[in-house]
């Protein structure tokens, strides 16, 4: 025997029926707080500081690699 029941209700109605707490206000408050913190962190991000964090040597490593690459081609073309 197979029995299926379709219940058409909103999430608020389902929470009330099951006796679950209404967390909508708490969720709104937490999402607002998270959004404020993320906005503050993004506003405080300095692109130069971010690049120094990602690449401690700065662009010096790229310049060294480029120079070595160019020298390699120059030696190869002069041969």
N, C-alpha and C. Protein backbone atom coordinates (compact mmCIF):
# COMPACT_ATOMS: atom_id res chain seq x y z
N UNK A 1 0.85 -1.17 0.00
CA UNK A 1 0.00 0.00 0.00
C UNK A 1 0.89 1.23 0.00
N UNK A 2 0.57 2.15 -0.85
CA UNK A 2 1.35 3.36 -0.96
C UNK A 2 0.43 4.54 -0.71
N UNK A 3 0.87 5.43 0.16
CA UNK A 3 0.07 6.59 0.51
C UNK A 3 0.92 7.83 0.32
N UNK A 4 0.42 8.80 -0.38
CA UNK A 4 1.16 10.03 -0.52
C UNK A 4 0.25 11.20 -0.17
N UNK A 5 0.83 12.16 0.54
CA UNK A 5 0.09 13.33 0.99
C UNK A 5 0.84 14.56 0.53
N UNK A 6 0.15 15.46 -0.12
CA UNK A 6 0.73 16.74 -0.53
C UNK A 6 0.20 17.82 0.39
N UNK A 7 1.14 18.55 1.00
CA UNK A 7 0.76 19.64 1.91
C UNK A 7 1.24 20.94 1.29
N UNK A 8 0.30 21.85 1.12
CA UNK A 8 0.62 23.14 0.54
C UNK A 8 0.58 24.18 1.66
N UNK A 9 1.78 24.60 2.11
CA UNK A 9 1.84 25.60 3.17
C UNK A 9 3.13 26.40 3.04
N UNK A 10 3.15 27.53 3.68
CA UNK A 10 4.34 28.37 3.66
C UNK A 10 5.33 27.87 4.71
N UNK A 11 6.59 28.27 4.62
CA UNK A 11 7.56 27.87 5.65
C UNK A 11 7.13 28.32 7.05
N UNK A 12 6.54 29.50 7.15
CA UNK A 12 6.07 29.97 8.46
C UNK A 12 4.97 29.06 9.01
N UNK A 13 4.05 28.64 8.15
CA UNK A 13 2.97 27.75 8.59
C UNK A 13 3.53 26.39 9.00
N UNK A 14 4.51 25.89 8.26
CA UNK A 14 5.11 24.60 8.60
C UNK A 14 5.83 24.67 9.94
N UNK A 15 6.60 25.76 10.17
CA UNK A 15 7.29 25.90 11.46
C UNK A 15 6.28 25.98 12.61
N UNK A 16 5.22 26.72 12.43
CA UNK A 16 4.21 26.83 13.48
C UNK A 16 3.54 25.48 13.74
N UNK A 17 3.22 24.75 12.69
CA UNK A 17 2.58 23.44 12.83
C UNK A 17 3.48 22.45 13.56
N UNK A 18 4.79 22.48 13.23
CA UNK A 18 5.73 21.54 13.86
C UNK A 18 6.25 22.03 15.20
N UNK A 19 5.91 23.24 15.58
CA UNK A 19 6.33 23.77 16.87
C UNK A 19 7.76 24.27 16.87
N UNK A 20 8.30 24.58 15.70
CA UNK A 20 9.67 25.09 15.60
C UNK A 20 9.70 26.59 15.84
N UNK A 21 10.80 27.10 16.34
CA UNK A 21 10.87 28.54 16.61
C UNK A 21 10.96 29.35 15.31
N UNK A 22 10.46 30.57 15.38
CA UNK A 22 10.53 31.47 14.23
C UNK A 22 11.89 32.17 14.27
N UNK A 23 12.76 31.84 13.35
CA UNK A 23 14.12 32.37 13.34
C UNK A 23 14.30 33.45 12.26
N UNK A 24 13.23 33.88 11.66
CA UNK A 24 13.32 34.83 10.56
C UNK A 24 13.97 36.15 10.98
N UNK A 25 13.57 36.69 12.13
CA UNK A 25 14.15 37.96 12.61
C UNK A 25 15.64 37.78 12.93
N UNK A 26 15.98 36.67 13.57
CA UNK A 26 17.38 36.38 13.88
C UNK A 26 18.21 36.25 12.61
N UNK A 27 17.66 35.57 11.62
CA UNK A 27 18.37 35.38 10.35
C UNK A 27 18.59 36.72 9.65
N UNK A 28 17.58 37.57 9.63
CA UNK A 28 17.72 38.90 9.03
C UNK A 28 18.81 39.70 9.72
N UNK A 29 18.83 39.66 11.05
CA UNK A 29 19.82 40.40 11.83
C UNK A 29 21.23 39.87 11.55
N UNK A 30 21.39 38.55 11.53
CA UNK A 30 22.71 37.97 11.28
C UNK A 30 23.20 38.27 9.86
N UNK A 31 22.32 38.18 8.88
CA UNK A 31 22.71 38.47 7.50
C UNK A 31 23.09 39.94 7.35
N UNK A 32 22.39 40.82 8.05
CA UNK A 32 22.74 42.24 8.02
C UNK A 32 24.11 42.47 8.63
N UNK A 33 24.40 41.81 9.74
CA UNK A 33 25.70 41.93 10.41
C UNK A 33 26.82 41.40 9.51
N UNK A 34 26.60 40.27 8.88
CA UNK A 34 27.60 39.70 7.98
C UNK A 34 27.86 40.63 6.81
N UNK A 35 26.78 41.19 6.26
CA UNK A 35 26.93 42.12 5.14
C UNK A 35 27.71 43.36 5.55
N UNK A 36 27.43 43.89 6.74
CA UNK A 36 28.17 45.06 7.22
C UNK A 36 29.65 44.76 7.41
N UNK A 37 29.96 43.61 7.98
CA UNK A 37 31.37 43.24 8.20
C UNK A 37 32.09 43.04 6.87
N UNK A 38 31.45 42.38 5.91
CA UNK A 38 32.08 42.18 4.61
C UNK A 38 32.31 43.51 3.90
N UNK A 39 31.33 44.40 3.98
CA UNK A 39 31.48 45.71 3.35
C UNK A 39 32.63 46.49 3.97
N UNK A 40 32.76 46.42 5.29
CA UNK A 40 33.86 47.12 5.97
C UNK A 40 35.21 46.55 5.56
N UNK A 41 35.31 45.23 5.44
CA UNK A 41 36.58 44.61 5.04
C UNK A 41 36.94 44.94 3.59
N UNK A 42 35.94 44.92 2.73
CA UNK A 42 36.19 45.22 1.32
C UNK A 42 36.60 46.69 1.17
N UNK A 43 35.95 47.58 1.90
CA UNK A 43 36.29 49.00 1.82
C UNK A 43 37.70 49.26 2.34
N UNK A 44 38.14 48.47 3.31
CA UNK A 44 39.46 48.67 3.90
C UNK A 44 40.57 48.04 3.08
N UNK A 45 40.22 47.26 2.06
CA UNK A 45 41.23 46.59 1.25
C UNK A 45 41.96 47.60 0.38
N UNK A 46 43.24 47.64 0.54
CA UNK A 46 44.09 48.48 -0.29
C UNK A 46 44.72 47.57 -1.35
N UNK A 47 44.54 47.87 -2.62
CA UNK A 47 45.08 46.98 -3.65
C UNK A 47 46.58 46.73 -3.50
N UNK A 48 47.33 47.75 -3.11
CA UNK A 48 48.77 47.58 -2.95
C UNK A 48 49.08 46.61 -1.81
N UNK A 49 48.38 46.76 -0.69
CA UNK A 49 48.59 45.86 0.44
C UNK A 49 48.20 44.43 0.08
N UNK A 50 47.13 44.29 -0.70
CA UNK A 50 46.69 42.97 -1.13
C UNK A 50 47.74 42.31 -2.01
N UNK A 51 48.33 43.06 -2.92
CA UNK A 51 49.37 42.51 -3.78
C UNK A 51 50.61 42.13 -2.97
N UNK A 52 50.95 42.92 -1.95
CA UNK A 52 52.10 42.58 -1.10
C UNK A 52 51.84 41.29 -0.33
N UNK A 53 50.58 41.06 0.05
CA UNK A 53 50.24 39.83 0.75
C UNK A 53 50.36 38.64 -0.18
N UNK A 54 49.88 38.79 -1.40
CA UNK A 54 49.91 37.68 -2.35
C UNK A 54 51.30 37.43 -2.90
N UNK A 55 52.04 38.51 -3.14
CA UNK A 55 53.38 38.38 -3.72
C UNK A 55 54.36 39.17 -2.87
N UNK A 56 54.94 38.54 -1.85
CA UNK A 56 55.84 39.26 -0.93
C UNK A 56 57.01 39.95 -1.63
N UNK A 57 57.50 39.35 -2.71
CA UNK A 57 58.62 39.97 -3.43
C UNK A 57 58.14 41.05 -4.39
N UNK A 58 56.85 41.22 -4.50
CA UNK A 58 56.32 42.20 -5.43
C UNK A 58 56.49 41.72 -6.86
N UNK A 59 56.73 42.65 -7.75
CA UNK A 59 56.86 42.28 -9.16
C UNK A 59 58.30 41.92 -9.51
N UNK A 60 59.19 41.97 -8.55
CA UNK A 60 60.61 41.68 -8.80
C UNK A 60 60.80 40.27 -9.37
N UNK A 61 60.06 39.30 -8.86
CA UNK A 61 60.18 37.93 -9.35
C UNK A 61 59.77 37.84 -10.82
N UNK A 62 58.70 38.54 -11.18
CA UNK A 62 58.26 38.53 -12.58
C UNK A 62 59.28 39.21 -13.49
N UNK A 63 59.85 40.30 -13.01
CA UNK A 63 60.86 41.01 -13.80
C UNK A 63 62.11 40.14 -14.00
N UNK A 64 62.53 39.44 -12.97
CA UNK A 64 63.68 38.55 -13.06
C UNK A 64 63.41 37.43 -14.06
N UNK A 65 62.23 36.85 -13.98
CA UNK A 65 61.85 35.78 -14.91
C UNK A 65 61.82 36.31 -16.34
N UNK A 66 61.23 37.48 -16.54
CA UNK A 66 61.16 38.08 -17.87
C UNK A 66 62.55 38.34 -18.43
N UNK A 67 63.44 38.90 -17.60
CA UNK A 67 64.81 39.19 -18.05
C UNK A 67 65.54 37.90 -18.44
N UNK A 68 65.38 36.86 -17.66
CA UNK A 68 66.02 35.58 -17.97
C UNK A 68 65.46 35.01 -19.28
N UNK A 69 64.19 35.15 -19.47
CA UNK A 69 63.53 34.67 -20.68
C UNK A 69 64.05 35.43 -21.91
N UNK A 70 64.14 36.75 -21.80
CA UNK A 70 64.63 37.58 -22.90
C UNK A 70 66.09 37.24 -23.19
N UNK A 71 66.90 37.09 -22.17
CA UNK A 71 68.31 36.74 -22.38
C UNK A 71 68.45 35.39 -23.06
N UNK A 72 67.61 34.46 -22.70
CA UNK A 72 67.64 33.14 -23.33
C UNK A 72 67.35 33.24 -24.82
N UNK A 73 66.36 34.04 -25.19
CA UNK A 73 66.04 34.23 -26.60
C UNK A 73 67.14 34.98 -27.33
N UNK A 74 67.75 35.96 -26.67
CA UNK A 74 68.82 36.72 -27.31
C UNK A 74 70.02 35.82 -27.59
N UNK A 75 70.35 34.96 -26.64
CA UNK A 75 71.47 34.03 -26.85
C UNK A 75 71.14 33.08 -28.00
N UNK A 76 69.92 32.60 -28.04
CA UNK A 76 69.50 31.63 -29.05
C UNK A 76 69.50 32.28 -30.44
N UNK A 77 69.09 33.55 -30.52
CA UNK A 77 69.02 34.21 -31.84
C UNK A 77 70.40 34.60 -32.34
N UNK A 78 71.37 34.81 -31.43
CA UNK A 78 72.71 35.19 -31.86
C UNK A 78 73.52 33.98 -32.31
N UNK A 79 73.10 32.78 -31.96
CA UNK A 79 73.82 31.56 -32.35
C UNK A 79 73.63 31.22 -33.80
